[in-house]
Amino acid sequence: MTPTSATGRPDRRVRRAGFTLVELLMTVAIIGLAAGAVVLSVPDPRPSVSEDAERFAARLSRAREEAVMTNRPVAVETTAAGYGFSAFDGAEWSPLTDGPFGRESWSDGLTVSPAEPVRVVFDPTGVAEPATVTLSRDGQSSRVAIDGAGEVTIDG
């Protein structure tokens, strides 16, 4: 039997199952906003410039300690691609690879100034020629300086 209204006409408001177009568009918009919020809150996976500078300075300090403890000159050479350590055994320079002295590459997007290679040699007393290396990326920069006494400092 067909439902009828008080006037005797059949009820034409038949409810169909499903979602309306407006409901679907609102759902997609809400999901898009949520995804955008997640993407914007994810931190940059690259280490910050100051973290790179701290890591480099710590390794420089360790190279100075190595020179004093082993009573031999230890050198670090920085390039645009990274840095590495070597030690003088009395006849020739040989690369250091143990512990913190492995060859290290700068993180992505990091620029090094000066662009030409910088070589710093710590003598067995810990003294070194003064040098400065500036690391920068996206408007941020940190300067790692080695003074004449071989002390390593970070500015920025």
Protein backbone atom coordinates (compact mmCIF):
# COMPACT_ATOMS: atom_id res chain seq x y z
CA MET A 1 0.00 0.00 0.00
CA THR A 2 1.23 3.48 -0.87
CA PRO A 3 1.39 6.01 1.97
CA THR A 4 -0.93 8.93 1.43
CA SER A 5 -1.14 12.32 3.02
CA ALA A 6 -4.18 13.91 4.62
CA THR A 7 -5.17 15.30 1.22
CA GLY A 8 -5.16 11.86 -0.31
CA ARG A 9 -2.09 12.33 -2.46
CA PRO A 10 0.81 9.90 -2.34
CA ASP A 11 3.84 11.16 -0.33
CA ARG A 12 6.51 12.22 -2.86
CA ARG A 13 9.27 12.85 -0.35
CA VAL A 14 10.97 9.54 -0.73
CA ARG A 15 14.26 9.46 1.19
CA ARG A 16 17.15 7.99 -0.76
CA ALA A 17 20.16 6.39 0.95
CA GLY A 18 23.62 7.96 0.44
CA PHE A 19 25.44 11.27 0.79
CA THR A 20 24.72 14.53 -0.92
CA LEU A 21 27.32 16.33 -2.99
CA VAL A 22 27.59 19.08 -0.35
CA GLU A 23 28.35 16.52 2.36
CA LEU A 24 31.07 14.90 0.23
CA LEU A 25 32.67 18.27 -0.62
CA MET A 26 32.71 19.31 3.04
CA THR A 27 34.39 16.02 4.00
CA VAL A 28 37.08 16.45 1.34
CA ALA A 29 37.68 20.06 2.47
CA ILE A 30 38.08 19.03 6.12
CA ILE A 31 40.50 16.22 5.19
CA GLY A 32 42.50 18.67 3.06
CA LEU A 33 42.77 21.18 5.92
CA ALA A 34 43.87 18.45 8.32
CA ALA A 35 46.51 17.19 5.88
CA GLY A 36 47.80 20.74 5.37
CA ALA A 37 48.13 21.25 9.12
CA VAL A 38 50.11 18.01 9.44
CA VAL A 39 52.48 18.93 6.60
CA LEU A 40 53.12 22.39 8.03
CA SER A 41 53.84 21.05 11.52
CA VAL A 42 56.43 18.48 10.41
CA PRO A 43 59.94 19.79 11.21
CA ASP A 44 62.72 20.07 8.65
CA PRO A 45 64.55 16.71 8.63
CA ARG A 46 67.92 18.39 8.05
CA PRO A 47 69.93 19.34 11.12
CA SER A 48 70.05 23.05 11.84
CA VAL A 49 73.13 25.10 10.94
CA SER A 50 73.98 25.47 14.63
CA GLU A 51 73.84 21.67 15.10
CA ASP A 52 76.23 21.20 12.16
CA ALA A 53 78.54 23.87 13.62
CA GLU A 54 78.46 22.25 17.07
CA ARG A 55 79.26 18.82 15.63
CA PHE A 56 82.14 20.26 13.58
CA ALA A 57 83.50 22.22 16.58
CA ALA A 58 83.32 19.13 18.81
CA ARG A 59 85.33 17.14 16.28
CA LEU A 60 87.88 19.94 15.99
CA SER A 61 88.29 19.94 19.77
CA ARG A 62 88.68 16.18 19.71
CA ALA A 63 91.36 16.50 16.98
CA ARG A 64 93.26 18.95 19.19
CA GLU A 65 93.06 16.49 22.09
CA GLU A 66 94.27 13.70 19.81
CA ALA A 67 97.30 15.78 18.80
CA VAL A 68 98.22 16.43 22.43
CA MET A 69 97.57 12.87 23.68
CA THR A 70 99.42 11.09 20.85
CA ASN A 71 102.20 13.70 20.59
CA ARG A 72 101.81 14.04 16.82
CA PRO A 73 100.35 16.72 14.54
CA VAL A 74 96.70 16.24 13.56
CA ALA A 75 95.17 18.16 10.66
CA VAL A 76 91.62 18.83 9.55
CA GLU A 77 90.82 19.90 6.02
CA THR A 78 87.45 21.42 5.11
CA THR A 79 86.10 21.56 1.58
CA ALA A 80 82.76 22.54 0.09
CA ALA A 81 81.71 18.87 0.32
CA GLY A 82 82.81 18.08 3.88
CA TYR A 83 85.82 17.61 6.10
CA GLY A 84 88.33 14.96 7.09
CA PHE A 85 91.19 14.38 9.52
CA SER A 86 94.75 13.18 9.06
CA ALA A 87 97.78 12.62 11.29
CA PHE A 88 101.50 12.99 10.64
CA ASP A 89 103.49 9.90 11.60
CA GLY A 90 106.92 11.48 11.10
CA ALA A 91 107.20 10.65 7.41
CA GLU A 92 103.80 11.32 5.83
CA TRP A 93 100.24 12.38 6.49
CA SER A 94 97.76 9.51 6.74
CA PRO A 95 93.98 9.82 7.04
CA LEU A 96 92.36 9.15 10.40
CA THR A 97 89.27 6.98 10.20
CA ASP A 98 88.73 5.66 13.75
CA GLY A 99 86.11 7.03 16.11
CA PRO A 100 85.00 10.59 15.38
CA PHE A 101 87.66 11.11 12.73
CA GLY A 102 85.94 9.53 9.73
CA ARG A 103 85.38 11.62 6.62
CA GLU A 104 82.19 13.66 7.10
CA SER A 105 79.97 15.34 4.51
CA TRP A 106 78.11 18.57 5.23
CA SER A 107 74.33 18.23 5.47
CA ASP A 108 72.17 19.03 2.43
CA GLY A 109 72.02 22.66 1.39
CA LEU A 110 74.82 23.79 3.70
CA THR A 111 77.31 26.23 2.20
CA VAL A 112 80.82 26.69 3.56
CA SER A 113 82.84 29.87 3.49
CA PRO A 114 85.61 30.27 2.45
CA ALA A 115 84.91 28.12 -0.60
CA GLU A 116 88.54 27.07 -1.06
CA PRO A 117 89.82 24.26 1.21
CA VAL A 118 90.92 25.27 4.70
CA ARG A 119 93.58 23.17 6.42
CA VAL A 120 94.19 23.52 10.15
CA VAL A 121 97.05 21.64 11.81
CA PHE A 122 97.10 21.11 15.58
CA ASP A 123 100.68 20.54 16.72
CA PRO A 124 101.52 18.19 19.62
CA THR A 125 101.13 21.06 22.11
CA GLY A 126 97.60 21.84 20.83
CA VAL A 127 98.58 25.10 19.12
CA ALA A 128 97.15 25.84 15.66
CA GLU A 129 97.17 28.55 13.04
CA PRO A 130 94.04 30.72 13.46
CA ALA A 131 91.25 29.89 11.02
CA THR A 132 87.54 30.56 10.58
CA VAL A 133 84.90 28.51 8.77
CA THR A 134 81.38 29.89 8.29
CA LEU A 135 78.47 27.49 7.73
CA SER A 136 75.20 28.85 6.32
CA ARG A 137 71.83 27.76 4.96
CA ASP A 138 68.55 29.60 4.37
CA GLY A 139 69.71 32.89 5.91
CA GLN A 140 71.12 31.25 9.07
CA SER A 141 74.85 31.09 9.67
CA SER A 142 77.30 29.93 12.32
CA ARG A 143 80.99 30.72 12.46
CA VAL A 144 83.46 28.18 13.84
CA ALA A 145 86.76 29.80 14.79
CA ILE A 146 90.07 28.31 15.89
CA ASP A 147 92.41 30.72 17.67
CA GLY A 148 96.21 30.60 17.91
CA ALA A 149 96.06 28.53 21.10
CA GLY A 150 93.95 25.90 19.34
CA GLU A 151 90.73 26.80 21.20
CA VAL A 152 87.56 26.25 19.17
CA THR A 153 84.60 28.66 19.48
CA ILE A 154 81.21 28.98 17.79
CA ASP A 155 79.52 32.30 17.00
CA GLY A 156 75.95 32.42 15.74
